[in-house]
Amino acid sequence: MQPQRKPTGLQEIVTTYLAAAGEYGQPVALGSLGAREEVESVLSAFDEDYHISRFLHFRNDTGESYNINGFPQTHLTIDSEIQSIL
């Protein structure tokens, strides 16, 4: 298991997501993106930004729940079209 690092920006979140998912469009557990507090903070901020959030799809499924903008979420899927803003 790799040590969890703080995701600092959109590019890093996307890179970390792709490492876990293998490709765009695959759901990954939020826990695979880093430490809880940082993941919740960074993804909540991205979820509030329309230009970013339209490419992010959260899901509350089986697994460890994270608080993203006040809602319990367990997984994230990112659309490949996010490359247009990276």
N, C-alpha and C. Protein backbone atom coordinates (compact mmCIF):
# COMPACT_ATOMS: atom_id res chain seq x y z
N MET A 1 0.84 -1.18 0.00
CA MET A 1 0.00 0.00 0.00
C MET A 1 0.89 1.24 0.00
N GLN A 2 0.61 2.17 -0.91
CA GLN A 2 1.39 3.40 -1.00
C GLN A 2 0.93 4.39 0.04
N PRO A 3 1.84 5.23 0.55
CA PRO A 3 1.41 6.27 1.47
C PRO A 3 0.49 7.25 0.75
N GLN A 4 -0.51 7.73 1.48
CA GLN A 4 -1.47 8.65 0.87
C GLN A 4 -0.90 10.05 0.88
N ARG A 5 -0.95 10.69 -0.28
CA ARG A 5 -0.47 12.06 -0.42
C ARG A 5 -1.64 12.98 -0.62
N LYS A 6 -1.40 14.24 -0.39
CA LYS A 6 -2.43 15.25 -0.55
C LYS A 6 -2.61 15.57 -2.04
N PRO A 7 -3.82 15.37 -2.58
CA PRO A 7 -4.06 15.79 -3.95
C PRO A 7 -4.17 17.31 -4.00
N THR A 8 -3.32 17.95 -4.77
CA THR A 8 -3.24 19.40 -4.72
C THR A 8 -3.96 20.12 -5.85
N GLY A 9 -4.22 19.47 -6.94
CA GLY A 9 -4.84 20.15 -8.06
C GLY A 9 -5.58 19.18 -8.95
N LEU A 10 -6.24 19.74 -9.92
CA LEU A 10 -7.05 18.94 -10.83
C LEU A 10 -6.20 17.91 -11.58
N GLN A 11 -5.06 18.34 -12.10
CA GLN A 11 -4.21 17.41 -12.84
C GLN A 11 -3.79 16.23 -11.96
N GLU A 12 -3.45 16.51 -10.72
CA GLU A 12 -3.04 15.43 -9.82
C GLU A 12 -4.20 14.49 -9.50
N ILE A 13 -5.38 15.05 -9.29
CA ILE A 13 -6.56 14.20 -9.04
C ILE A 13 -6.81 13.30 -10.25
N VAL A 14 -6.74 13.86 -11.45
CA VAL A 14 -6.98 13.08 -12.66
C VAL A 14 -5.90 12.00 -12.81
N THR A 15 -4.66 12.34 -12.59
CA THR A 15 -3.57 11.37 -12.69
C THR A 15 -3.74 10.24 -11.69
N THR A 16 -4.09 10.60 -10.46
CA THR A 16 -4.31 9.59 -9.41
C THR A 16 -5.51 8.73 -9.74
N TYR A 17 -6.57 9.36 -10.24
CA TYR A 17 -7.76 8.63 -10.65
C TYR A 17 -7.42 7.61 -11.75
N LEU A 18 -6.69 8.05 -12.77
CA LEU A 18 -6.34 7.15 -13.88
C LEU A 18 -5.46 5.99 -13.42
N ALA A 19 -4.57 6.26 -12.47
CA ALA A 19 -3.73 5.19 -11.94
C ALA A 19 -4.59 4.12 -11.25
N ALA A 20 -5.64 4.55 -10.57
CA ALA A 20 -6.52 3.62 -9.87
C ALA A 20 -7.53 2.96 -10.81
N ALA A 21 -8.07 3.73 -11.76
CA ALA A 21 -9.14 3.24 -12.63
C ALA A 21 -8.63 2.51 -13.86
N GLY A 22 -7.46 2.90 -14.34
CA GLY A 22 -6.94 2.31 -15.56
C GLY A 22 -7.36 3.05 -16.82
N GLU A 23 -8.53 3.68 -16.77
CA GLU A 23 -9.04 4.46 -17.89
C GLU A 23 -10.18 5.34 -17.41
N TYR A 24 -10.51 6.34 -18.19
CA TYR A 24 -11.64 7.20 -17.86
C TYR A 24 -12.94 6.39 -17.87
N GLY A 25 -13.91 6.86 -17.10
CA GLY A 25 -15.22 6.24 -17.11
C GLY A 25 -15.40 5.09 -16.16
N GLN A 26 -14.37 4.74 -15.41
CA GLN A 26 -14.45 3.64 -14.46
C GLN A 26 -14.57 4.20 -13.04
N PRO A 27 -15.49 3.67 -12.22
CA PRO A 27 -15.61 4.17 -10.86
C PRO A 27 -14.44 3.72 -9.99
N VAL A 28 -13.95 4.63 -9.15
CA VAL A 28 -12.90 4.29 -8.19
C VAL A 28 -13.35 4.73 -6.80
N ALA A 29 -12.94 3.98 -5.81
CA ALA A 29 -13.24 4.34 -4.43
C ALA A 29 -12.50 5.62 -4.08
N LEU A 30 -13.19 6.52 -3.40
CA LEU A 30 -12.57 7.80 -3.04
C LEU A 30 -11.34 7.60 -2.18
N GLY A 31 -11.30 6.53 -1.40
CA GLY A 31 -10.15 6.24 -0.57
C GLY A 31 -8.87 6.01 -1.35
N SER A 32 -8.98 5.67 -2.62
CA SER A 32 -7.78 5.43 -3.43
C SER A 32 -7.17 6.73 -3.95
N LEU A 33 -7.82 7.86 -3.66
CA LEU A 33 -7.34 9.15 -4.18
C LEU A 33 -6.48 9.92 -3.17
N GLY A 34 -6.41 9.45 -1.94
CA GLY A 34 -5.59 10.14 -0.94
C GLY A 34 -6.22 10.12 0.43
N ALA A 35 -5.67 10.95 1.30
CA ALA A 35 -6.16 11.04 2.68
C ALA A 35 -7.54 11.67 2.72
N ARG A 36 -8.37 11.19 3.60
CA ARG A 36 -9.77 11.60 3.69
C ARG A 36 -9.97 13.11 3.70
N GLU A 37 -9.33 13.82 4.59
CA GLU A 37 -9.57 15.26 4.74
C GLU A 37 -9.24 16.02 3.46
N GLU A 38 -8.14 15.66 2.84
CA GLU A 38 -7.75 16.35 1.61
C GLU A 38 -8.67 16.00 0.45
N VAL A 39 -9.03 14.74 0.34
CA VAL A 39 -9.94 14.32 -0.74
C VAL A 39 -11.28 15.03 -0.59
N GLU A 40 -11.81 15.05 0.63
CA GLU A 40 -13.09 15.72 0.85
C GLU A 40 -13.01 17.21 0.51
N SER A 41 -11.93 17.84 0.94
CA SER A 41 -11.77 19.28 0.71
C SER A 41 -11.60 19.61 -0.78
N VAL A 42 -10.69 18.92 -1.43
CA VAL A 42 -10.39 19.20 -2.84
C VAL A 42 -11.57 18.85 -3.73
N LEU A 43 -12.17 17.67 -3.53
CA LEU A 43 -13.29 17.29 -4.40
C LEU A 43 -14.53 18.12 -4.13
N SER A 44 -14.72 18.56 -2.90
CA SER A 44 -15.85 19.47 -2.62
C SER A 44 -15.67 20.78 -3.38
N ALA A 45 -14.45 21.29 -3.39
CA ALA A 45 -14.18 22.54 -4.13
C ALA A 45 -14.39 22.34 -5.63
N PHE A 46 -13.90 21.22 -6.18
CA PHE A 46 -14.10 20.95 -7.60
C PHE A 46 -15.58 20.75 -7.92
N ASP A 47 -16.32 20.15 -7.00
CA ASP A 47 -17.75 19.91 -7.22
C ASP A 47 -18.52 21.21 -7.29
N GLU A 48 -18.02 22.27 -6.69
CA GLU A 48 -18.69 23.57 -6.73
C GLU A 48 -18.37 24.37 -7.99
N ASP A 49 -17.38 23.94 -8.74
CA ASP A 49 -16.96 24.65 -9.95
C ASP A 49 -17.59 23.97 -11.17
N TYR A 50 -18.53 24.66 -11.82
CA TYR A 50 -19.25 24.07 -12.95
C TYR A 50 -18.32 23.55 -14.04
N HIS A 51 -17.28 24.29 -14.34
CA HIS A 51 -16.38 23.91 -15.43
C HIS A 51 -15.64 22.61 -15.13
N ILE A 52 -15.51 22.28 -13.87
CA ILE A 52 -14.87 21.02 -13.49
C ILE A 52 -15.91 19.96 -13.17
N SER A 53 -16.93 20.32 -12.40
CA SER A 53 -17.88 19.33 -11.88
C SER A 53 -18.66 18.58 -12.95
N ARG A 54 -18.81 19.18 -14.12
CA ARG A 54 -19.58 18.49 -15.17
C ARG A 54 -18.88 17.22 -15.66
N PHE A 55 -17.57 17.08 -15.34
CA PHE A 55 -16.83 15.89 -15.74
C PHE A 55 -16.69 14.87 -14.61
N LEU A 56 -17.12 15.26 -13.40
CA LEU A 56 -16.99 14.41 -12.22
C LEU A 56 -18.35 13.82 -11.86
N HIS A 57 -18.38 12.54 -11.61
CA HIS A 57 -19.63 11.87 -11.25
C HIS A 57 -19.41 11.08 -9.97
N PHE A 58 -20.09 11.50 -8.92
CA PHE A 58 -19.97 10.84 -7.62
C PHE A 58 -21.08 9.82 -7.47
N ARG A 59 -20.78 8.82 -6.66
CA ARG A 59 -21.75 7.76 -6.41
C ARG A 59 -21.64 7.34 -4.95
N ASN A 60 -22.76 7.09 -4.33
CA ASN A 60 -22.79 6.57 -2.98
C ASN A 60 -23.17 5.11 -3.06
N ASP A 61 -22.19 4.26 -2.90
CA ASP A 61 -22.35 2.83 -3.08
C ASP A 61 -21.77 2.14 -1.85
N THR A 62 -21.48 0.89 -1.96
CA THR A 62 -20.86 0.14 -0.88
C THR A 62 -19.41 0.58 -0.74
N GLY A 63 -19.01 0.84 0.49
CA GLY A 63 -17.63 1.23 0.75
C GLY A 63 -17.55 2.37 1.73
N GLU A 64 -16.34 2.81 1.97
CA GLU A 64 -16.10 3.90 2.90
C GLU A 64 -16.69 5.19 2.36
N SER A 65 -17.48 5.85 3.17
CA SER A 65 -18.19 7.06 2.75
C SER A 65 -17.38 8.31 3.07
N TYR A 66 -17.36 9.22 2.11
CA TYR A 66 -16.69 10.52 2.23
C TYR A 66 -17.75 11.61 2.12
N ASN A 67 -17.50 12.74 2.75
CA ASN A 67 -18.43 13.86 2.72
C ASN A 67 -17.99 14.82 1.61
N ILE A 68 -18.73 14.83 0.51
CA ILE A 68 -18.45 15.74 -0.60
C ILE A 68 -19.59 16.74 -0.66
N ASN A 69 -19.29 17.96 -0.25
CA ASN A 69 -20.30 19.04 -0.20
C ASN A 69 -21.54 18.65 0.59
N GLY A 70 -21.34 17.97 1.70
CA GLY A 70 -22.44 17.62 2.58
C GLY A 70 -23.18 16.35 2.22
N PHE A 71 -22.73 15.65 1.19
CA PHE A 71 -23.39 14.42 0.76
C PHE A 71 -22.43 13.24 0.89
N PRO A 72 -22.93 12.11 1.37
CA PRO A 72 -22.08 10.92 1.46
C PRO A 72 -21.81 10.36 0.06
N GLN A 73 -20.55 10.13 -0.24
CA GLN A 73 -20.15 9.57 -1.53
C GLN A 73 -19.06 8.53 -1.29
N THR A 74 -19.03 7.52 -2.13
CA THR A 74 -18.03 6.47 -1.99
C THR A 74 -17.12 6.33 -3.20
N HIS A 75 -17.62 6.70 -4.38
CA HIS A 75 -16.88 6.48 -5.63
C HIS A 75 -16.93 7.71 -6.53
N LEU A 76 -15.94 7.79 -7.40
CA LEU A 76 -15.84 8.86 -8.38
C LEU A 76 -15.56 8.26 -9.74
N THR A 77 -16.25 8.79 -10.75
CA THR A 77 -15.97 8.48 -12.15
C THR A 77 -15.67 9.81 -12.83
N ILE A 78 -14.64 9.83 -13.66
CA ILE A 78 -14.28 11.04 -14.39
C ILE A 78 -14.42 10.77 -15.89
N ASP A 79 -15.08 11.71 -16.58
CA ASP A 79 -15.23 11.61 -18.04
C ASP A 79 -13.93 11.99 -18.73
N SER A 80 -13.64 11.36 -19.84
CA SER A 80 -12.43 11.66 -20.60
C SER A 80 -12.40 13.08 -21.13
N GLU A 81 -13.55 13.69 -21.28
CA GLU A 81 -13.62 15.06 -21.79
C GLU A 81 -12.97 16.07 -20.84
N ILE A 82 -12.64 15.65 -19.63
CA ILE A 82 -11.98 16.55 -18.69
C ILE A 82 -10.63 17.02 -19.25
N GLN A 83 -10.09 16.26 -20.18
CA GLN A 83 -8.81 16.63 -20.80
C GLN A 83 -8.89 18.00 -21.47
N SER A 84 -10.08 18.42 -21.84
CA SER A 84 -10.24 19.72 -22.51
C SER A 84 -9.95 20.89 -21.60
N ILE A 85 -9.93 20.68 -20.28
CA ILE A 85 -9.65 21.77 -19.35
C ILE A 85 -8.35 21.59 -18.59
N LEU A 86 -7.61 20.55 -18.87
CA LEU A 86 -6.34 20.31 -18.17
C LEU A 86 -5.22 21.12 -18.80
